[in-house]
């Protein structure tokens, strides 16, 4: 599929999703709040399919990211230089049967302390859809197959680094699988994970004994307790009214979160009581933000430009007084 076709498809679907509820977060106000020194650190090549989807950070501030449309894993140095680490194999049919989107895409990413990178890949084909592992100096290897009729999207590493959690935005499921790979287990299929026409369960993070998940269509932030024996508890809605919510990060202050809202083109600060404030928008350079990461006081925001078709980028900022 051409980059123009991807843009048209994403535009139509995201605009349709935005009509499902209000397009602005609850309690939104003009940009203000805890972020300072906001700047665009790196610009990506839209013509090459460099639509950054997800991010994980190394201790030195280097960012490992996925480029959705080019099926690539890349590394961004603290100085802003981009280096391609791997390109996932293209499906034989071009990915036309990828659910909802119609093109193959690399989505969630996570990294363990030994430098191993894990990436999710959705292609609409049984031979490629699933969880992939990239070890330093080796070619990517699929270590867990996922349903071809689903769209694996968010990827979270467990608190002890032994297990991964995977959100499926089409099937409304959270899967879990050991970092060594194998057959995934459906961990939760709660109705709160379901889509209402576009994409449901999306971003994922493990935090304080629970898996936190966003639902893009329903505009919700969910907390799912991780019970003994790795059983899923009942989802709790921690924030709502944020259609288009994608991935997120915790600020280090309790349960406070910075979250990317894709279609509304904003980043919001969600407080522990569920209220939210817009802290970044298009005026800061956002172009359909997809994910947020934090290392110390340094904030990283990826913008994929899915519908704006202008300047996919990595935005950097500082978070003040977050401890």
C-alpha atoms as a PDB file:
ATOM      1  CA  UNK A   1       0.000   0.000   0.000  1.00  0.00           C
ATOM      2  CA  UNK A   2       1.325   3.441  -0.884  1.00  0.00           C
ATOM      3  CA  UNK A   3       2.015   6.054   1.783  1.00  0.00           C
ATOM      4  CA  UNK A   4      -0.786   8.179   0.267  1.00  0.00           C
ATOM      5  CA  UNK A   5      -3.211   5.260   0.634  1.00  0.00           C
ATOM      6  CA  UNK A   6      -2.124   4.752   4.237  1.00  0.00           C
ATOM      7  CA  UNK A   7      -2.778   8.419   4.949  1.00  0.00           C
ATOM      8  CA  UNK A   8      -6.230   8.307   3.342  1.00  0.00           C
ATOM      9  CA  UNK A   9      -7.148   5.124   5.218  1.00  0.00           C
ATOM     10  CA  UNK A  10      -5.976   6.419   8.574  1.00  0.00           C
ATOM     11  CA  UNK A  11      -7.659   9.786   8.035  1.00  0.00           C
ATOM     12  CA  UNK A  12     -11.013   8.224   7.272  1.00  0.00           C
ATOM     13  CA  UNK A  13     -10.866   5.787  10.172  1.00  0.00           C
ATOM     14  CA  UNK A  14      -9.598   8.236  12.763  1.00  0.00           C
ATOM     15  CA  UNK A  15     -12.189  10.823  11.804  1.00  0.00           C
ATOM     16  CA  UNK A  16     -14.880   8.177  12.068  1.00  0.00           C
ATOM     17  CA  UNK A  17     -13.578   7.151  15.472  1.00  0.00           C
ATOM     18  CA  UNK A  18     -13.556  10.759  16.637  1.00  0.00           C
ATOM     19  CA  UNK A  19     -17.307  11.002  16.097  1.00  0.00           C
ATOM     20  CA  UNK A  20     -17.958   8.210  18.580  1.00  0.00           C
ATOM     21  CA  UNK A  21     -17.593  10.628  21.488  1.00  0.00           C
ATOM     22  CA  UNK A  22     -16.239  14.102  22.146  1.00  0.00           C
ATOM     23  CA  UNK A  23     -12.884  14.825  20.529  1.00  0.00           C
ATOM     24  CA  UNK A  24     -11.380  16.658  23.499  1.00  0.00           C
ATOM     25  CA  UNK A  25     -10.364  15.290  26.898  1.00  0.00           C
ATOM     26  CA  UNK A  26     -12.495  15.907  29.944  1.00  0.00           C
ATOM     27  CA  UNK A  27     -11.600  19.081  31.855  1.00  0.00           C
ATOM     28  CA  UNK A  28      -9.219  20.144  29.061  1.00  0.00           C
ATOM     29  CA  UNK A  29      -7.726  23.624  29.287  1.00  0.00           C
ATOM     30  CA  UNK A  30      -5.315  25.536  27.083  1.00  0.00           C
ATOM     31  CA  UNK A  31      -1.766  24.116  27.195  1.00  0.00           C
ATOM     32  CA  UNK A  32      -0.065  24.715  30.528  1.00  0.00           C
ATOM     33  CA  UNK A  33       1.271  22.719  33.432  1.00  0.00           C
ATOM     34  CA  UNK A  34       4.316  20.661  34.285  1.00  0.00           C
ATOM     35  CA  UNK A  35       6.232  20.634  30.969  1.00  0.00           C
ATOM     36  CA  UNK A  36       9.044  23.011  30.093  1.00  0.00           C
ATOM     37  CA  UNK A  37      11.757  23.266  27.407  1.00  0.00           C
ATOM     38  CA  UNK A  38       9.441  21.845  24.753  1.00  0.00           C
ATOM     39  CA  UNK A  39      11.158  21.290  21.398  1.00  0.00           C
ATOM     40  CA  UNK A  40      11.185  19.015  18.359  1.00  0.00           C
ATOM     41  CA  UNK A  41      14.334  16.897  18.699  1.00  0.00           C
ATOM     42  CA  UNK A  42      14.119  14.716  15.583  1.00  0.00           C
ATOM     43  CA  UNK A  43      12.215  14.850  12.295  1.00  0.00           C
ATOM     44  CA  UNK A  44      11.398  11.636  10.449  1.00  0.00           C
ATOM     45  CA  UNK A  45      10.921  10.818   6.762  1.00  0.00           C
ATOM     46  CA  UNK A  46       7.238  10.421   5.987  1.00  0.00           C
ATOM     47  CA  UNK A  47       7.930   9.360   2.393  1.00  0.00           C
ATOM     48  CA  UNK A  48       9.895   6.382   3.773  1.00  0.00           C
ATOM     49  CA  UNK A  49       7.019   5.311   6.009  1.00  0.00           C
ATOM     50  CA  UNK A  50       8.719   6.571   9.157  1.00  0.00           C
ATOM     51  CA  UNK A  51       5.530   6.965  11.190  1.00  0.00           C
ATOM     52  CA  UNK A  52       6.723   6.443  14.784  1.00  0.00           C
ATOM     53  CA  UNK A  53       4.265   4.346  16.752  1.00  0.00           C
ATOM     54  CA  UNK A  54       5.804   3.266  20.052  1.00  0.00           C
ATOM     55  CA  UNK A  55       8.868   3.888  22.195  1.00  0.00           C
ATOM     56  CA  UNK A  56      11.039   2.393  24.912  1.00  0.00           C
ATOM     57  CA  UNK A  57      14.035   4.126  26.487  1.00  0.00           C
ATOM     58  CA  UNK A  58      17.553   2.982  27.315  1.00  0.00           C
ATOM     59  CA  UNK A  59      19.310   4.181  30.487  1.00  0.00           C
ATOM     60  CA  UNK A  60      21.416   6.710  28.553  1.00  0.00           C
ATOM     61  CA  UNK A  61      18.380   8.375  26.967  1.00  0.00           C
ATOM     62  CA  UNK A  62      18.612   6.553  23.651  1.00  0.00           C
ATOM     63  CA  UNK A  63      15.149   5.702  22.312  1.00  0.00           C
ATOM     64  CA  UNK A  64      14.164   2.475  20.593  1.00  0.00           C
ATOM     65  CA  UNK A  65      11.062   3.038  18.479  1.00  0.00           C
ATOM     66  CA  UNK A  66       8.867   1.341  15.914  1.00  0.00           C
ATOM     67  CA  UNK A  67       8.088   2.877  12.536  1.00  0.00           C
ATOM     68  CA  UNK A  68       4.599   1.599  11.772  1.00  0.00           C
ATOM     69  CA  UNK A  69       4.340   1.866   7.983  1.00  0.00           C
ATOM     70  CA  UNK A  70       7.935   0.907   7.158  1.00  0.00           C
ATOM     71  CA  UNK A  71       7.795  -2.153   9.472  1.00  0.00           C
ATOM     72  CA  UNK A  72      11.025  -1.063  11.130  1.00  0.00           C
ATOM     73  CA  UNK A  73      12.667  -0.890  14.514  1.00  0.00           C
ATOM     74  CA  UNK A  74      14.906   2.150  14.894  1.00  0.00           C
ATOM     75  CA  UNK A  75      17.177   3.739  17.469  1.00  0.00           C
ATOM     76  CA  UNK A  76      17.297   7.485  18.141  1.00  0.00           C
ATOM     77  CA  UNK A  77      20.431   8.721  19.889  1.00  0.00           C
ATOM     78  CA  UNK A  78      20.324  11.507  22.494  1.00  0.00           C
ATOM     79  CA  UNK A  79      21.686  13.788  19.745  1.00  0.00           C
ATOM     80  CA  UNK A  80      18.719  12.938  17.521  1.00  0.00           C
ATOM     81  CA  UNK A  81      20.394  10.647  15.000  1.00  0.00           C
ATOM     82  CA  UNK A  82      18.233   7.851  13.569  1.00  0.00           C
ATOM     83  CA  UNK A  83      19.612   4.359  12.976  1.00  0.00           C
ATOM     84  CA  UNK A  84      17.535   1.456  11.621  1.00  0.00           C
ATOM     85  CA  UNK A  85      18.022  -1.689  13.696  1.00  0.00           C
ATOM     86  CA  UNK A  86      15.790  -4.071  11.733  1.00  0.00           C
ATOM     87  CA  UNK A  87      13.051  -4.322   9.132  1.00  0.00           C
ATOM     88  CA  UNK A  88      10.361  -6.945   9.653  1.00  0.00           C
ATOM     89  CA  UNK A  89       9.553  -9.166   6.651  1.00  0.00           C
ATOM     90  CA  UNK A  90       6.776  -8.009   4.354  1.00  0.00           C
ATOM     91  CA  UNK A  91       3.720 -10.284   4.039  1.00  0.00           C
ATOM     92  CA  UNK A  92       3.295 -11.977   0.662  1.00  0.00           C
ATOM     93  CA  UNK A  93      -0.043 -10.235   0.060  1.00  0.00           C
ATOM     94  CA  UNK A  94       1.287  -6.813   1.032  1.00  0.00           C
ATOM     95  CA  UNK A  95      -0.756  -6.792   4.231  1.00  0.00           C
ATOM     96  CA  UNK A  96      -4.052  -5.887   2.562  1.00  0.00           C
ATOM     97  CA  UNK A  97      -5.916  -8.114   5.014  1.00  0.00           C
ATOM     98  CA  UNK A  98      -4.523  -6.449   8.123  1.00  0.00           C
ATOM     99  CA  UNK A  99      -7.684  -5.815  10.186  1.00  0.00           C
ATOM    100  CA  UNK A 100      -9.127  -2.281  10.094  1.00  0.00           C
ATOM    101  CA  UNK A 101      -6.047  -0.627   8.574  1.00  0.00           C
ATOM    102  CA  UNK A 102      -5.246  -2.694   5.478  1.00  0.00           C
ATOM    103  CA  UNK A 103      -1.461  -2.367   5.689  1.00  0.00           C
ATOM    104  CA  UNK A 104       1.169  -4.211   7.790  1.00  0.00           C
ATOM    105  CA  UNK A 105       2.487  -2.280  10.744  1.00  0.00           C
ATOM    106  CA  UNK A 106       4.977  -2.550  13.582  1.00  0.00           C
ATOM    107  CA  UNK A 107       3.349  -1.443  16.824  1.00  0.00           C
ATOM    108  CA  UNK A 108       4.307  -1.995  20.469  1.00  0.00           C
ATOM    109  CA  UNK A 109       7.891  -2.207  21.682  1.00  0.00           C
ATOM    110  CA  UNK A 110       9.556  -3.214  24.957  1.00  0.00           C
ATOM    111  CA  UNK A 111      13.128  -3.843  26.074  1.00  0.00           C
ATOM    112  CA  UNK A 112      14.614  -6.018  28.795  1.00  0.00           C
ATOM    113  CA  UNK A 113      17.736  -5.202  30.808  1.00  0.00           C
ATOM    114  CA  UNK A 114      19.915  -7.513  28.688  1.00  0.00           C
ATOM    115  CA  UNK A 115      19.256  -5.385  25.595  1.00  0.00           C
ATOM    116  CA  UNK A 116      16.682  -7.689  23.993  1.00  0.00           C
ATOM    117  CA  UNK A 117      13.960  -5.773  22.151  1.00  0.00           C
ATOM    118  CA  UNK A 118      10.430  -7.116  21.688  1.00  0.00           C
ATOM    119  CA  UNK A 119       8.148  -5.805  18.951  1.00  0.00           C
ATOM    120  CA  UNK A 120       4.558  -6.467  17.920  1.00  0.00           C
ATOM    121  CA  UNK A 121       3.711  -6.904  14.257  1.00  0.00           C
ATOM    122  CA  UNK A 122       0.253  -6.954  12.627  1.00  0.00           C
ATOM    123  CA  UNK A 123      -0.035  -8.191   9.043  1.00  0.00           C
ATOM    124  CA  UNK A 124      -3.366  -9.997   8.665  1.00  0.00           C
ATOM    125  CA  UNK A 125      -1.433 -13.193   7.932  1.00  0.00           C
ATOM    126  CA  UNK A 126      -0.912 -16.200  10.197  1.00  0.00           C
ATOM    127  CA  UNK A 127       2.769 -16.572   9.366  1.00  0.00           C
ATOM    128  CA  UNK A 128       3.884 -13.128  10.540  1.00  0.00           C
ATOM    129  CA  UNK A 129       1.389 -11.613  13.000  1.00  0.00           C
ATOM    130  CA  UNK A 130       2.661 -11.787  16.544  1.00  0.00           C
ATOM    131  CA  UNK A 131       5.465 -11.009  18.977  1.00  0.00           C
ATOM    132  CA  UNK A 132       8.978 -10.640  17.542  1.00  0.00           C
ATOM    133  CA  UNK A 133      12.316 -10.648  19.347  1.00  0.00           C
ATOM    134  CA  UNK A 134      15.375  -8.677  18.287  1.00  0.00           C
ATOM    135  CA  UNK A 135      18.648  -9.501  19.999  1.00  0.00           C
ATOM    136  CA  UNK A 136      21.793  -7.427  19.407  1.00  0.00           C
ATOM    137  CA  UNK A 137      23.532  -8.604  16.251  1.00  0.00           C
ATOM    138  CA  UNK A 138      20.773 -11.023  15.258  1.00  0.00           C
ATOM    139  CA  UNK A 139      17.898 -10.937  12.771  1.00  0.00           C
ATOM    140  CA  UNK A 140      14.351 -10.534  14.120  1.00  0.00           C
ATOM    141  CA  UNK A 141      12.616 -13.763  15.118  1.00  0.00           C
ATOM    142  CA  UNK A 142       8.918 -14.336  15.774  1.00  0.00           C
ATOM    143  CA  UNK A 143       8.608 -16.037  19.168  1.00  0.00           C
ATOM    144  CA  UNK A 144       4.824 -15.993  19.637  1.00  0.00           C
ATOM    145  CA  UNK A 145       2.069 -16.178  17.025  1.00  0.00           C
ATOM    146  CA  UNK A 146      -1.068 -14.088  17.508  1.00  0.00           C
ATOM    147  CA  UNK A 147      -4.400 -14.292  15.658  1.00  0.00           C
ATOM    148  CA  UNK A 148      -4.200 -12.952  12.107  1.00  0.00           C
ATOM    149  CA  UNK A 149      -7.680 -11.441  12.495  1.00  0.00           C
ATOM    150  CA  UNK A 150      -6.505  -9.312  15.397  1.00  0.00           C
ATOM    151  CA  UNK A 151      -4.336  -6.205  15.738  1.00  0.00           C
ATOM    152  CA  UNK A 152      -1.667  -6.575  18.442  1.00  0.00           C
ATOM    153  CA  UNK A 153      -0.880  -3.045  19.546  1.00  0.00           C
ATOM    154  CA  UNK A 154       0.303  -2.234  23.084  1.00  0.00           C
ATOM    155  CA  UNK A 155       3.173  -4.118  24.728  1.00  0.00           C
ATOM    156  CA  UNK A 156       4.057  -4.019  28.434  1.00  0.00           C
ATOM    157  CA  UNK A 157       6.810  -5.762  30.361  1.00  0.00           C
ATOM    158  CA  UNK A 158       5.871  -7.265  33.731  1.00  0.00           C
ATOM    159  CA  UNK A 159       7.354  -5.900  36.928  1.00  0.00           C
ATOM    160  CA  UNK A 160       9.812  -8.810  37.253  1.00  0.00           C
ATOM    161  CA  UNK A 161      10.827  -8.758  33.584  1.00  0.00           C
ATOM    162  CA  UNK A 162       9.680 -12.324  32.953  1.00  0.00           C
ATOM    163  CA  UNK A 163       6.365 -11.781  31.176  1.00  0.00           C
ATOM    164  CA  UNK A 164       4.851  -9.565  28.503  1.00  0.00           C
ATOM    165  CA  UNK A 165       1.291  -8.273  28.181  1.00  0.00           C
ATOM    166  CA  UNK A 166      -0.157  -7.544  24.745  1.00  0.00           C
ATOM    167  CA  UNK A 167      -3.301  -5.576  23.907  1.00  0.00           C
ATOM    168  CA  UNK A 168      -5.309  -6.518  20.819  1.00  0.00           C
ATOM    169  CA  UNK A 169      -7.192  -3.470  19.566  1.00  0.00           C
ATOM    170  CA  UNK A 170      -9.548  -5.440  17.310  1.00  0.00           C
ATOM    171  CA  UNK A 171     -10.268  -8.547  19.369  1.00  0.00           C
ATOM    172  CA  UNK A 172     -10.596  -6.612  22.650  1.00  0.00           C
ATOM    173  CA  UNK A 173      -8.180  -8.963  24.381  1.00  0.00           C
ATOM    174  CA  UNK A 174      -5.095  -8.733  26.547  1.00  0.00           C
ATOM    175  CA  UNK A 175      -2.703 -11.611  25.846  1.00  0.00           C
ATOM    176  CA  UNK A 176       0.188 -12.661  28.047  1.00  0.00           C
ATOM    177  CA  UNK A 177       3.299 -14.635  27.118  1.00  0.00           C
ATOM    178  CA  UNK A 178       6.685 -15.288  28.782  1.00  0.00           C
ATOM    179  CA  UNK A 179       9.621 -13.276  27.422  1.00  0.00           C
ATOM    180  CA  UNK A 180      10.999 -16.590  26.180  1.00  0.00           C
ATOM    181  CA  UNK A 181       8.032 -16.864  23.821  1.00  0.00           C
ATOM    182  CA  UNK A 182       5.507 -19.637  23.288  1.00  0.00           C
ATOM    183  CA  UNK A 183       1.748 -19.826  22.993  1.00  0.00           C
ATOM    184  CA  UNK A 184       0.023 -16.659  24.268  1.00  0.00           C
ATOM    185  CA  UNK A 185      -2.741 -16.920  26.856  1.00  0.00           C
ATOM    186  CA  UNK A 186      -5.846 -14.741  26.732  1.00  0.00           C
ATOM    187  CA  UNK A 187      -5.392 -12.902  30.040  1.00  0.00           C
ATOM    188  CA  UNK A 188      -8.490 -10.677  29.863  1.00  0.00           C
ATOM    189  CA  UNK A 189     -11.408 -10.328  27.458  1.00  0.00           C
ATOM    190  CA  UNK A 190     -13.382  -7.880  29.598  1.00  0.00           C
ATOM    191  CA  UNK A 191     -15.944  -5.760  27.699  1.00  0.00           C
ATOM    192  CA  UNK A 192     -14.079  -2.621  28.754  1.00  0.00           C
ATOM    193  CA  UNK A 193     -11.356  -3.641  26.281  1.00  0.00           C
ATOM    194  CA  UNK A 194     -13.665  -3.815  23.255  1.00  0.00           C
ATOM    195  CA  UNK A 195     -13.740  -1.401  20.350  1.00  0.00           C
ATOM    196  CA  UNK A 196     -16.884   0.433  19.284  1.00  0.00           C
ATOM    197  CA  UNK A 197     -16.035   0.445  15.599  1.00  0.00           C
ATOM    198  CA  UNK A 198     -12.354   1.313  15.194  1.00  0.00           C
ATOM    199  CA  UNK A 199      -9.730   0.361  17.824  1.00  0.00           C
ATOM    200  CA  UNK A 200     -10.293  -0.673  21.422  1.00  0.00           C
ATOM    201  CA  UNK A 201      -7.570  -1.722  23.897  1.00  0.00           C
ATOM    202  CA  UNK A 202      -4.430   0.175  22.982  1.00  0.00           C
ATOM    203  CA  UNK A 203      -1.589   1.413  25.200  1.00  0.00           C
ATOM    204  CA  UNK A 204      -0.370  -0.745  28.090  1.00  0.00           C
ATOM    205  CA  UNK A 205       1.882  -0.333  31.135  1.00  0.00           C
ATOM    206  CA  UNK A 206       2.454  -2.396  34.283  1.00  0.00           C
ATOM    207  CA  UNK A 207       2.383  -0.183  37.369  1.00  0.00           C
ATOM    208  CA  UNK A 208       2.057  -0.998  41.066  1.00  0.00           C
ATOM    209  CA  UNK A 209       0.609  -4.468  40.765  1.00  0.00           C
ATOM    210  CA  UNK A 210      -1.739  -3.773  37.881  1.00  0.00           C
ATOM    211  CA  UNK A 211      -1.836  -3.588  34.106  1.00  0.00           C
ATOM    212  CA  UNK A 212      -3.037  -0.180  32.948  1.00  0.00           C
ATOM    213  CA  UNK A 213      -4.646  -0.087  29.503  1.00  0.00           C
ATOM    214  CA  UNK A 214      -6.184   2.637  27.345  1.00  0.00           C
ATOM    215  CA  UNK A 215      -9.205   2.160  25.090  1.00  0.00           C
ATOM    216  CA  UNK A 216      -8.984   4.467  22.073  1.00  0.00           C
ATOM    217  CA  UNK A 217     -12.646   4.164  21.010  1.00  0.00           C
ATOM    218  CA  UNK A 218     -14.140   4.324  24.477  1.00  0.00           C
ATOM    219  CA  UNK A 219     -11.785   7.111  25.565  1.00  0.00           C
ATOM    220  CA  UNK A 220     -10.935   5.395  28.819  1.00  0.00           C
ATOM    221  CA  UNK A 221      -7.949   4.616  31.009  1.00  0.00           C
ATOM    222  CA  UNK A 222      -8.320   1.253  32.752  1.00  0.00           C
ATOM    223  CA  UNK A 223      -6.563  -0.364  35.697  1.00  0.00           C
ATOM    224  CA  UNK A 224      -6.646  -4.173  35.706  1.00  0.00           C
ATOM    225  CA  UNK A 225      -5.271  -5.712  38.925  1.00  0.00           C
ATOM    226  CA  UNK A 226      -2.763  -8.539  38.475  1.00  0.00           C
ATOM    227  CA  UNK A 227      -3.933 -11.163  40.956  1.00  0.00           C
ATOM    228  CA  UNK A 228      -1.983 -14.099  42.349  1.00  0.00           C
ATOM    229  CA  UNK A 229      -1.156 -16.697  39.744  1.00  0.00           C
ATOM    230  CA  UNK A 230      -1.118 -13.917  37.135  1.00  0.00           C
ATOM    231  CA  UNK A 231      -4.905 -13.765  37.015  1.00  0.00           C
ATOM    232  CA  UNK A 232      -6.643 -10.635  35.757  1.00  0.00           C
ATOM    233  CA  UNK A 233      -8.898  -8.741  38.127  1.00  0.00           C
ATOM    234  CA  UNK A 234     -11.930  -6.713  37.099  1.00  0.00           C
ATOM    235  CA  UNK A 235     -11.049  -3.558  35.117  1.00  0.00           C
ATOM    236  CA  UNK A 236     -11.487  -0.251  36.890  1.00  0.00           C
ATOM    237  CA  UNK A 237     -12.105   2.914  34.867  1.00  0.00           C
ATOM    238  CA  UNK A 238      -9.620   5.489  36.176  1.00  0.00           C
ATOM    239  CA  UNK A 239     -10.332   8.251  33.612  1.00  0.00           C
ATOM    240  CA  UNK A 240     -12.809   8.747  30.785  1.00  0.00           C
ATOM    241  CA  UNK A 241     -13.896  11.204  28.085  1.00  0.00           C
ATOM    242  CA  UNK A 242     -10.610  10.990  26.154  1.00  0.00           C
ATOM    243  CA  UNK A 243     -11.437   9.564  22.742  1.00  0.00           C
ATOM    244  CA  UNK A 244      -8.331   8.885  20.696  1.00  0.00           C
ATOM    245  CA  UNK A 245      -6.196   8.046  23.743  1.00  0.00           C
ATOM    246  CA  UNK A 246      -3.195   6.009  22.659  1.00  0.00           C
ATOM    247  CA  UNK A 247      -0.101   5.148  24.681  1.00  0.00           C
ATOM    248  CA  UNK A 248       1.034   6.798  27.925  1.00  0.00           C
ATOM    249  CA  UNK A 249       3.605   6.921  30.709  1.00  0.00           C
ATOM    250  CA  UNK A 250       3.523   7.412  34.464  1.00  0.00           C
ATOM    251  CA  UNK A 251       5.100  10.608  35.753  1.00  0.00           C
ATOM    252  CA  UNK A 252       6.608   9.103  38.899  1.00  0.00           C
ATOM    253  CA  UNK A 253       4.067  10.861  41.131  1.00  0.00           C
ATOM    254  CA  UNK A 254       1.648   8.157  42.238  1.00  0.00           C
ATOM    255  CA  UNK A 255      -0.790   7.246  39.475  1.00  0.00           C
ATOM    256  CA  UNK A 256      -0.391  10.472  37.480  1.00  0.00           C
ATOM    257  CA  UNK A 257       0.002   9.955  33.759  1.00  0.00           C
ATOM    258  CA  UNK A 258       1.011  11.734  30.562  1.00  0.00           C
ATOM    259  CA  UNK A 259      -1.009  10.330  27.659  1.00  0.00           C
ATOM    260  CA  UNK A 260      -1.042  10.852  23.896  1.00  0.00           C
ATOM    261  CA  UNK A 261      -4.425  11.569  22.274  1.00  0.00           C
ATOM    262  CA  UNK A 262      -3.988  10.753  18.619  1.00  0.00           C
ATOM    263  CA  UNK A 263      -6.927  12.269  16.725  1.00  0.00           C
ATOM    264  CA  UNK A 264      -7.323  15.298  19.055  1.00  0.00           C
ATOM    265  CA  UNK A 265      -3.587  15.942  18.524  1.00  0.00           C
ATOM    266  CA  UNK A 266      -2.806  16.561  22.189  1.00  0.00           C
ATOM    267  CA  UNK A 267      -0.912  15.239  25.183  1.00  0.00           C
ATOM    268  CA  UNK A 268      -2.803  15.330  28.459  1.00  0.00           C
ATOM    269  CA  UNK A 269      -1.774  15.200  32.105  1.00  0.00           C
ATOM    270  CA  UNK A 270      -4.149  12.826  33.904  1.00  0.00           C
ATOM    271  CA  UNK A 271      -4.268  13.229  37.664  1.00  0.00           C
ATOM    272  CA  UNK A 272      -4.957  10.430  40.132  1.00  0.00           C
ATOM    273  CA  UNK A 273      -8.584  11.535  40.488  1.00  0.00           C
ATOM    274  CA  UNK A 274      -9.172  11.085  36.745  1.00  0.00           C
ATOM    275  CA  UNK A 275      -9.283  14.766  35.798  1.00  0.00           C
ATOM    276  CA  UNK A 276      -7.036  15.888  32.978  1.00  0.00           C
ATOM    277  CA  UNK A 277      -5.349  18.947  31.536  1.00  0.00           C
ATOM    278  CA  UNK A 278      -3.969  19.452  28.045  1.00  0.00           C
ATOM    279  CA  UNK A 279      -0.234  20.126  28.267  1.00  0.00           C
ATOM    280  CA  UNK A 280       0.815  19.892  24.588  1.00  0.00           C
ATOM    281  CA  UNK A 281      -0.979  20.444  21.297  1.00  0.00           C
ATOM    282  CA  UNK A 282      -0.357  21.156  17.611  1.00  0.00           C
ATOM    283  CA  UNK A 283       1.196  24.521  18.437  1.00  0.00           C
ATOM    284  CA  UNK A 284       4.038  22.606  20.106  1.00  0.00           C
ATOM    285  CA  UNK A 285       4.620  20.512  16.987  1.00  0.00           C
ATOM    286  CA  UNK A 286       2.414  17.487  17.679  1.00  0.00           C
ATOM    287  CA  UNK A 287       1.317  15.560  14.580  1.00  0.00           C
ATOM    288  CA  UNK A 288      -1.034  12.788  15.777  1.00  0.00           C
ATOM    289  CA  UNK A 289       0.931  11.793  18.898  1.00  0.00           C
ATOM    290  CA  UNK A 290       1.074   8.046  19.504  1.00  0.00           C
ATOM    291  CA  UNK A 291       3.165   7.451  22.612  1.00  0.00           C
ATOM    292  CA  UNK A 292       4.922   9.079  25.557  1.00  0.00           C
ATOM    293  CA  UNK A 293       7.962   7.944  27.544  1.00  0.00           C
ATOM    294  CA  UNK A 294       9.813   9.328  30.559  1.00  0.00           C
ATOM    295  CA  UNK A 295      13.414   8.927  31.739  1.00  0.00           C
ATOM    296  CA  UNK A 296      14.120  10.923  34.876  1.00  0.00           C
ATOM    297  CA  UNK A 297      12.708  14.361  34.078  1.00  0.00           C
ATOM    298  CA  UNK A 298      13.047  13.943  30.318  1.00  0.00           C
ATOM    299  CA  UNK A 299       9.794  13.491  28.363  1.00  0.00           C
ATOM    300  CA  UNK A 300       9.688  11.940  24.890  1.00  0.00           C
ATOM    301  CA  UNK A 301       6.611  12.179  22.644  1.00  0.00           C
ATOM    302  CA  UNK A 302       6.307  10.462  19.262  1.00  0.00           C
ATOM    303  CA  UNK A 303       4.072  11.872  16.522  1.00  0.00           C
ATOM    304  CA  UNK A 304       3.176   9.634  13.575  1.00  0.00           C
ATOM    305  CA  UNK A 305       1.393  12.184  11.336  1.00  0.00           C
ATOM    306  CA  UNK A 306      -1.147   9.524  10.354  1.00  0.00           C
ATOM    307  CA  UNK A 307      -3.770  12.070   9.321  1.00  0.00           C
ATOM    308  CA  UNK A 308      -1.879  15.351   9.273  1.00  0.00           C
ATOM    309  CA  UNK A 309       0.638  13.865   6.785  1.00  0.00           C
ATOM    310  CA  UNK A 310       3.136  16.497   7.961  1.00  0.00           C
ATOM    311  CA  UNK A 311       6.401  16.152   9.878  1.00  0.00           C
ATOM    312  CA  UNK A 312       6.342  12.932  11.917  1.00  0.00           C
ATOM    313  CA  UNK A 313       8.686  13.670  14.783  1.00  0.00           C
ATOM    314  CA  UNK A 314      10.098  13.113  18.237  1.00  0.00           C
ATOM    315  CA  UNK A 315       9.317  15.916  20.686  1.00  0.00           C
ATOM    316  CA  UNK A 316      11.375  16.380  23.840  1.00  0.00           C
ATOM    317  CA  UNK A 317      10.439  18.282  27.000  1.00  0.00           C
ATOM    318  CA  UNK A 318      11.254  18.495  30.698  1.00  0.00           C
ATOM    319  CA  UNK A 319       8.878  17.483  33.471  1.00  0.00           C
ATOM    320  CA  UNK A 320       9.344  19.664  36.515  1.00  0.00           C
ATOM    321  CA  UNK A 321       8.765  18.652  40.118  1.00  0.00           C
ATOM    322  CA  UNK A 322       7.566  15.174  39.190  1.00  0.00           C
ATOM    323  CA  UNK A 323       8.834  13.464  42.323  1.00  0.00           C
END
